[in-house]
Amino acid sequence: MNNTPYQLLGGEDGVRRLCEAFYDCMEQLPEAADIRRMHGEDLSGIRQKLFEFLSGWLGGPHLYAQKYGSICMTGPHRPFAIGPKERDQWLLCMDRALEQVGASEEVKTMLKQPLQAIADMIRNRETSASA
């Protein structure tokens, strides 16, 4: 299996569609309201940053690292109270986004554990702020 998730999702266009679908889910799903409130009104900048990060993380060009240098996932998230509920909301949005872009079962299986690991790594509270 030589195909990366980046390739299997359709390269740059596919990853961009995934990022758009992810933030669309965050805006539309009532069950993602807590994490939506953590973001500013304009999501265009964060949509681009997620695209740049996921591009490299999924096996494509390392756009985020080229633009910002080393990748530290915990630093940018430190100001926000991220507990299990917020982590799970993020994962819900990503699961729905993968569904919306028509990701194959192969891609979803490849990404399930790594996405859970990243989401848990970013968690900085044992309990959710709204719990």
N, C-alpha and C. Protein backbone atom coordinates (compact mmCIF):
# COMPACT_ATOMS: atom_id res chain seq x y z
N MET A 1 0.85 -1.18 0.00
CA MET A 1 0.00 0.00 0.00
C MET A 1 0.89 1.24 0.00
N ASN A 2 1.07 1.83 -1.15
CA ASN A 2 1.91 3.01 -1.30
C ASN A 2 1.13 4.30 -1.24
N ASN A 3 -0.17 4.22 -1.31
CA ASN A 3 -0.98 5.43 -1.33
C ASN A 3 -1.07 6.05 0.06
N THR A 4 -0.82 7.34 0.12
CA THR A 4 -0.96 8.07 1.37
C THR A 4 -2.41 8.54 1.49
N PRO A 5 -2.85 8.88 2.69
CA PRO A 5 -4.19 9.46 2.82
C PRO A 5 -4.35 10.70 1.94
N TYR A 6 -3.28 11.47 1.79
CA TYR A 6 -3.32 12.66 0.94
C TYR A 6 -3.72 12.27 -0.49
N GLN A 7 -3.07 11.25 -1.02
CA GLN A 7 -3.38 10.79 -2.37
C GLN A 7 -4.78 10.20 -2.44
N LEU A 8 -5.13 9.39 -1.46
CA LEU A 8 -6.43 8.71 -1.46
C LEU A 8 -7.60 9.70 -1.34
N LEU A 9 -7.35 10.84 -0.70
CA LEU A 9 -8.40 11.86 -0.57
C LEU A 9 -8.50 12.74 -1.82
N GLY A 10 -7.55 12.60 -2.73
CA GLY A 10 -7.61 13.39 -3.95
C GLY A 10 -6.61 14.53 -4.01
N GLY A 11 -5.53 14.40 -3.24
CA GLY A 11 -4.48 15.42 -3.27
C GLY A 11 -4.92 16.74 -2.69
N GLU A 12 -4.35 17.80 -3.20
CA GLU A 12 -4.60 19.14 -2.67
C GLU A 12 -6.10 19.47 -2.65
N ASP A 13 -6.78 19.22 -3.76
CA ASP A 13 -8.21 19.54 -3.82
C ASP A 13 -9.01 18.75 -2.79
N GLY A 14 -8.69 17.48 -2.63
CA GLY A 14 -9.40 16.64 -1.68
C GLY A 14 -9.18 17.08 -0.23
N VAL A 15 -7.95 17.43 0.09
CA VAL A 15 -7.65 17.88 1.45
C VAL A 15 -8.32 19.22 1.72
N ARG A 16 -8.32 20.09 0.72
CA ARG A 16 -9.00 21.38 0.90
C ARG A 16 -10.50 21.16 1.11
N ARG A 17 -11.11 20.25 0.35
CA ARG A 17 -12.53 19.94 0.55
C ARG A 17 -12.78 19.39 1.95
N LEU A 18 -11.87 18.56 2.44
CA LEU A 18 -12.00 18.01 3.79
C LEU A 18 -11.99 19.13 4.83
N CYS A 19 -11.07 20.07 4.69
CA CYS A 19 -10.97 21.18 5.64
C CYS A 19 -12.22 22.06 5.59
N GLU A 20 -12.70 22.32 4.40
CA GLU A 20 -13.92 23.11 4.27
C GLU A 20 -15.10 22.39 4.92
N ALA A 21 -15.21 21.09 4.65
CA ALA A 21 -16.30 20.31 5.24
C ALA A 21 -16.18 20.27 6.76
N PHE A 22 -14.96 20.17 7.27
CA PHE A 22 -14.74 20.14 8.72
C PHE A 22 -15.28 21.41 9.38
N TYR A 23 -14.89 22.57 8.85
CA TYR A 23 -15.34 23.81 9.47
C TYR A 23 -16.80 24.10 9.18
N ASP A 24 -17.31 23.61 8.06
CA ASP A 24 -18.75 23.72 7.81
C ASP A 24 -19.52 22.93 8.88
N CYS A 25 -19.03 21.73 9.19
CA CYS A 25 -19.66 20.92 10.25
C CYS A 25 -19.60 21.65 11.58
N MET A 26 -18.45 22.24 11.88
CA MET A 26 -18.30 22.96 13.14
C MET A 26 -19.32 24.10 13.23
N GLU A 27 -19.56 24.76 12.12
CA GLU A 27 -20.51 25.87 12.11
C GLU A 27 -21.96 25.39 12.18
N GLN A 28 -22.24 24.24 11.62
CA GLN A 28 -23.63 23.80 11.47
C GLN A 28 -24.12 22.86 12.56
N LEU A 29 -23.25 22.09 13.16
CA LEU A 29 -23.69 21.08 14.12
C LEU A 29 -23.89 21.69 15.51
N PRO A 30 -25.10 21.62 16.04
CA PRO A 30 -25.32 22.15 17.39
C PRO A 30 -24.42 21.46 18.42
N GLU A 31 -24.12 20.19 18.20
CA GLU A 31 -23.28 19.46 19.15
C GLU A 31 -21.81 19.85 19.07
N ALA A 32 -21.45 20.77 18.16
CA ALA A 32 -20.08 21.29 18.08
C ALA A 32 -20.00 22.75 18.53
N ALA A 33 -21.04 23.23 19.17
CA ALA A 33 -21.11 24.65 19.55
C ALA A 33 -19.97 25.07 20.47
N ASP A 34 -19.55 24.18 21.37
CA ASP A 34 -18.48 24.54 22.30
C ASP A 34 -17.17 24.85 21.57
N ILE A 35 -16.81 24.01 20.61
CA ILE A 35 -15.55 24.28 19.91
C ILE A 35 -15.71 25.41 18.90
N ARG A 36 -16.91 25.61 18.38
CA ARG A 36 -17.12 26.73 17.46
C ARG A 36 -16.89 28.06 18.18
N ARG A 37 -17.33 28.13 19.44
CA ARG A 37 -17.15 29.36 20.22
C ARG A 37 -15.68 29.68 20.48
N MET A 38 -14.81 28.70 20.40
CA MET A 38 -13.38 28.92 20.63
C MET A 38 -12.73 29.66 19.47
N HIS A 39 -13.39 29.68 18.34
CA HIS A 39 -12.84 30.28 17.13
C HIS A 39 -13.42 31.68 16.93
N GLY A 40 -12.69 32.51 16.24
CA GLY A 40 -13.20 33.83 15.93
C GLY A 40 -14.35 33.75 14.94
N GLU A 41 -14.95 34.89 14.69
CA GLU A 41 -16.08 34.93 13.77
C GLU A 41 -15.68 34.48 12.37
N ASP A 42 -14.51 34.94 11.92
CA ASP A 42 -14.03 34.61 10.58
C ASP A 42 -13.16 33.36 10.65
N LEU A 43 -13.59 32.30 9.99
CA LEU A 43 -12.86 31.03 10.03
C LEU A 43 -11.88 30.87 8.86
N SER A 44 -11.78 31.86 7.99
CA SER A 44 -10.97 31.68 6.78
C SER A 44 -9.50 31.40 7.11
N GLY A 45 -8.93 32.10 8.07
CA GLY A 45 -7.53 31.88 8.43
C GLY A 45 -7.28 30.51 9.00
N ILE A 46 -8.14 30.07 9.88
CA ILE A 46 -7.96 28.77 10.51
C ILE A 46 -8.26 27.64 9.52
N ARG A 47 -9.16 27.87 8.59
CA ARG A 47 -9.40 26.88 7.52
C ARG A 47 -8.11 26.66 6.73
N GLN A 48 -7.43 27.75 6.40
CA GLN A 48 -6.19 27.67 5.64
C GLN A 48 -5.10 26.96 6.45
N LYS A 49 -4.99 27.29 7.72
CA LYS A 49 -3.96 26.66 8.56
C LYS A 49 -4.20 25.16 8.70
N LEU A 50 -5.47 24.75 8.87
CA LEU A 50 -5.75 23.32 8.96
C LEU A 50 -5.40 22.64 7.64
N PHE A 51 -5.74 23.28 6.52
CA PHE A 51 -5.38 22.72 5.22
C PHE A 51 -3.86 22.54 5.11
N GLU A 52 -3.11 23.56 5.49
CA GLU A 52 -1.65 23.50 5.40
C GLU A 52 -1.10 22.40 6.31
N PHE A 53 -1.64 22.29 7.52
CA PHE A 53 -1.19 21.24 8.44
C PHE A 53 -1.53 19.86 7.89
N LEU A 54 -2.81 19.66 7.52
CA LEU A 54 -3.23 18.35 7.06
C LEU A 54 -2.54 17.94 5.77
N SER A 55 -2.19 18.87 4.93
CA SER A 55 -1.48 18.55 3.70
C SER A 55 -0.24 17.71 4.02
N GLY A 56 0.60 18.20 4.88
CA GLY A 56 1.81 17.46 5.25
C GLY A 56 1.53 16.24 6.11
N TRP A 57 0.62 16.38 7.05
CA TRP A 57 0.32 15.29 7.98
C TRP A 57 -0.25 14.08 7.25
N LEU A 58 -1.00 14.34 6.19
CA LEU A 58 -1.61 13.26 5.42
C LEU A 58 -0.69 12.70 4.33
N GLY A 59 0.51 13.23 4.21
CA GLY A 59 1.47 12.68 3.27
C GLY A 59 1.72 13.51 2.03
N GLY A 60 1.21 14.73 2.00
CA GLY A 60 1.44 15.62 0.87
C GLY A 60 2.51 16.66 1.21
N PRO A 61 2.52 17.75 0.48
CA PRO A 61 3.51 18.81 0.74
C PRO A 61 3.38 19.35 2.17
N HIS A 62 4.51 19.62 2.77
CA HIS A 62 4.57 20.10 4.16
C HIS A 62 4.40 21.62 4.20
N LEU A 63 3.23 22.08 3.81
CA LEU A 63 2.95 23.51 3.67
C LEU A 63 3.04 24.26 4.99
N TYR A 64 2.50 23.68 6.05
CA TYR A 64 2.50 24.36 7.35
C TYR A 64 3.94 24.55 7.85
N ALA A 65 4.73 23.49 7.79
CA ALA A 65 6.11 23.58 8.26
C ALA A 65 6.92 24.56 7.42
N GLN A 66 6.67 24.59 6.11
CA GLN A 66 7.38 25.53 5.24
C GLN A 66 7.05 26.97 5.59
N LYS A 67 5.82 27.20 5.99
CA LYS A 67 5.35 28.56 6.25
C LYS A 67 5.65 29.01 7.68
N TYR A 68 5.48 28.10 8.66
CA TYR A 68 5.57 28.49 10.07
C TYR A 68 6.72 27.84 10.82
N GLY A 69 7.44 26.94 10.19
CA GLY A 69 8.52 26.24 10.88
C GLY A 69 7.99 24.99 11.56
N SER A 70 8.61 24.64 12.68
CA SER A 70 8.24 23.40 13.35
C SER A 70 6.78 23.43 13.79
N ILE A 71 6.25 22.24 13.90
CA ILE A 71 4.84 22.10 14.24
C ILE A 71 4.71 21.69 15.70
N CYS A 72 4.11 22.54 16.48
CA CYS A 72 3.79 22.24 17.87
C CYS A 72 2.28 22.36 18.00
N MET A 73 1.62 21.24 18.20
CA MET A 73 0.15 21.25 18.24
C MET A 73 -0.40 21.78 19.56
N THR A 74 0.34 21.60 20.64
CA THR A 74 -0.22 22.00 21.93
C THR A 74 -0.14 23.50 22.16
N GLY A 75 0.91 24.16 21.68
CA GLY A 75 1.09 25.59 21.92
C GLY A 75 -0.08 26.45 21.47
N PRO A 76 -0.48 26.35 20.20
CA PRO A 76 -1.58 27.20 19.73
C PRO A 76 -2.91 26.92 20.42
N HIS A 77 -3.05 25.74 20.99
CA HIS A 77 -4.32 25.37 21.63
C HIS A 77 -4.32 25.64 23.13
N ARG A 78 -3.17 25.98 23.69
CA ARG A 78 -3.04 26.18 25.13
C ARG A 78 -4.02 27.20 25.72
N PRO A 79 -4.31 28.31 25.02
CA PRO A 79 -5.22 29.30 25.60
C PRO A 79 -6.67 28.82 25.75
N PHE A 80 -7.00 27.70 25.13
CA PHE A 80 -8.38 27.22 25.13
C PHE A 80 -8.54 26.05 26.08
N ALA A 81 -9.66 26.02 26.79
CA ALA A 81 -9.96 24.91 27.69
C ALA A 81 -10.49 23.75 26.86
N ILE A 82 -9.64 22.76 26.65
CA ILE A 82 -10.00 21.61 25.82
C ILE A 82 -9.98 20.36 26.69
N GLY A 83 -11.18 19.88 26.96
CA GLY A 83 -11.34 18.65 27.72
C GLY A 83 -11.90 17.56 26.83
N PRO A 84 -12.34 16.48 27.43
CA PRO A 84 -12.87 15.36 26.65
C PRO A 84 -14.04 15.74 25.75
N LYS A 85 -14.93 16.60 26.23
CA LYS A 85 -16.10 16.99 25.43
C LYS A 85 -15.67 17.75 24.18
N GLU A 86 -14.75 18.68 24.32
CA GLU A 86 -14.27 19.47 23.19
C GLU A 86 -13.50 18.58 22.21
N ARG A 87 -12.68 17.69 22.75
CA ARG A 87 -11.96 16.73 21.91
C ARG A 87 -12.95 15.92 21.07
N ASP A 88 -13.98 15.42 21.72
CA ASP A 88 -14.97 14.59 21.02
C ASP A 88 -15.76 15.39 19.99
N GLN A 89 -16.00 16.67 20.25
CA GLN A 89 -16.67 17.52 19.27
C GLN A 89 -15.79 17.68 18.03
N TRP A 90 -14.50 17.87 18.23
CA TRP A 90 -13.56 17.99 17.12
C TRP A 90 -13.58 16.71 16.29
N LEU A 91 -13.50 15.57 16.97
CA LEU A 91 -13.51 14.29 16.27
C LEU A 91 -14.83 14.06 15.53
N LEU A 92 -15.94 14.49 16.11
CA LEU A 92 -17.23 14.37 15.44
C LEU A 92 -17.22 15.17 14.14
N CYS A 93 -16.73 16.40 14.20
CA CYS A 93 -16.67 17.23 12.99
C CYS A 93 -15.78 16.58 11.93
N MET A 94 -14.65 16.01 12.35
CA MET A 94 -13.76 15.38 11.38
C MET A 94 -14.40 14.12 10.80
N ASP A 95 -15.06 13.33 11.64
CA ASP A 95 -15.76 12.13 11.13
C ASP A 95 -16.82 12.51 10.10
N ARG A 96 -17.60 13.53 10.41
CA ARG A 96 -18.65 13.98 9.48
C ARG A 96 -18.04 14.54 8.21
N ALA A 97 -16.93 15.27 8.34
CA ALA A 97 -16.28 15.84 7.16
C ALA A 97 -15.76 14.73 6.25
N LEU A 98 -15.17 13.70 6.84
CA LEU A 98 -14.69 12.57 6.05
C LEU A 98 -15.85 11.91 5.31
N GLU A 99 -16.98 11.79 5.98
CA GLU A 99 -18.18 11.25 5.32
C GLU A 99 -18.60 12.14 4.16
N GLN A 100 -18.67 13.44 4.41
CA GLN A 100 -19.15 14.39 3.39
C GLN A 100 -18.29 14.41 2.14
N VAL A 101 -16.98 14.23 2.29
CA VAL A 101 -16.11 14.25 1.11
C VAL A 101 -16.02 12.88 0.45
N GLY A 102 -16.73 11.91 1.00
CA GLY A 102 -16.74 10.58 0.40
C GLY A 102 -15.46 9.80 0.60
N ALA A 103 -14.80 10.03 1.74
CA ALA A 103 -13.57 9.29 2.03
C ALA A 103 -13.87 7.79 2.08
N SER A 104 -12.97 7.01 1.55
CA SER A 104 -13.15 5.56 1.52
C SER A 104 -13.01 4.99 2.93
N GLU A 105 -13.49 3.77 3.10
CA GLU A 105 -13.32 3.09 4.39
C GLU A 105 -11.83 2.91 4.68
N GLU A 106 -11.03 2.70 3.64
CA GLU A 106 -9.58 2.56 3.81
C GLU A 106 -9.00 3.82 4.46
N VAL A 107 -9.38 4.98 3.95
CA VAL A 107 -8.86 6.24 4.49
C VAL A 107 -9.36 6.44 5.91
N LYS A 108 -10.64 6.20 6.14
CA LYS A 108 -11.18 6.39 7.50
C LYS A 108 -10.49 5.48 8.49
N THR A 109 -10.20 4.24 8.09
CA THR A 109 -9.50 3.31 8.96
C THR A 109 -8.07 3.77 9.21
N MET A 110 -7.40 4.25 8.16
CA MET A 110 -6.02 4.74 8.29
C MET A 110 -5.94 5.91 9.26
N LEU A 111 -6.97 6.76 9.27
CA LEU A 111 -6.92 8.00 10.04
C LEU A 111 -7.53 7.93 11.42
N LYS A 112 -8.35 6.93 11.69
CA LYS A 112 -9.11 6.89 12.94
C LYS A 112 -8.20 7.01 14.18
N GLN A 113 -7.25 6.14 14.35
CA GLN A 113 -6.39 6.16 15.53
C GLN A 113 -5.49 7.40 15.56
N PRO A 114 -4.82 7.76 14.45
CA PRO A 114 -3.98 8.96 14.49
C PRO A 114 -4.76 10.24 14.81
N LEU A 115 -5.98 10.37 14.27
CA LEU A 115 -6.78 11.56 14.58
C LEU A 115 -7.18 11.57 16.05
N GLN A 116 -7.52 10.41 16.59
CA GLN A 116 -7.85 10.33 18.02
C GLN A 116 -6.64 10.70 18.87
N ALA A 117 -5.48 10.25 18.46
CA ALA A 117 -4.26 10.55 19.21
C ALA A 117 -3.96 12.05 19.19
N ILE A 118 -4.09 12.69 18.04
CA ILE A 118 -3.86 14.14 17.96
C ILE A 118 -4.87 14.89 18.80
N ALA A 119 -6.14 14.52 18.67
CA ALA A 119 -7.19 15.22 19.43
C ALA A 119 -6.96 15.06 20.92
N ASP A 120 -6.49 13.90 21.34
CA ASP A 120 -6.25 13.70 22.77
C ASP A 120 -4.99 14.43 23.22
N MET A 121 -4.01 14.54 22.35
CA MET A 121 -2.77 15.26 22.69
C MET A 121 -3.05 16.75 22.93
N ILE A 122 -3.99 17.30 22.19
CA ILE A 122 -4.31 18.72 22.30
C ILE A 122 -5.13 19.02 23.56
N ARG A 123 -5.77 17.98 24.08
CA ARG A 123 -6.58 18.14 25.28
C ARG A 123 -5.68 18.63 26.43
N ASN A 124 -6.12 19.67 27.11
CA ASN A 124 -5.31 20.26 28.19
C ASN A 124 -6.06 20.35 29.50
N ARG A 125 -7.20 19.70 29.58
CA ARG A 125 -8.01 19.64 30.81
C ARG A 125 -8.50 18.20 30.98
N GLU A 126 -8.63 17.80 32.23
CA GLU A 126 -9.17 16.46 32.50
C GLU A 126 -10.68 16.42 32.32
N THR A 127 -11.31 17.56 32.58
CA THR A 127 -12.76 17.65 32.40
C THR A 127 -13.04 18.82 31.48
N SER A 128 -14.19 18.81 30.88
CA SER A 128 -14.57 19.88 29.97
C SER A 128 -15.01 21.10 30.75
N ALA A 129 -14.78 22.26 30.16
CA ALA A 129 -15.15 23.51 30.82
C ALA A 129 -16.65 23.60 31.05
N SER A 130 -17.41 23.05 30.11
CA SER A 130 -18.86 23.15 30.21
C SER A 130 -19.47 21.93 30.91
N ALA A 131 -18.65 21.06 31.43
CA ALA A 131 -19.17 19.84 32.08
C ALA A 131 -19.78 20.16 33.42
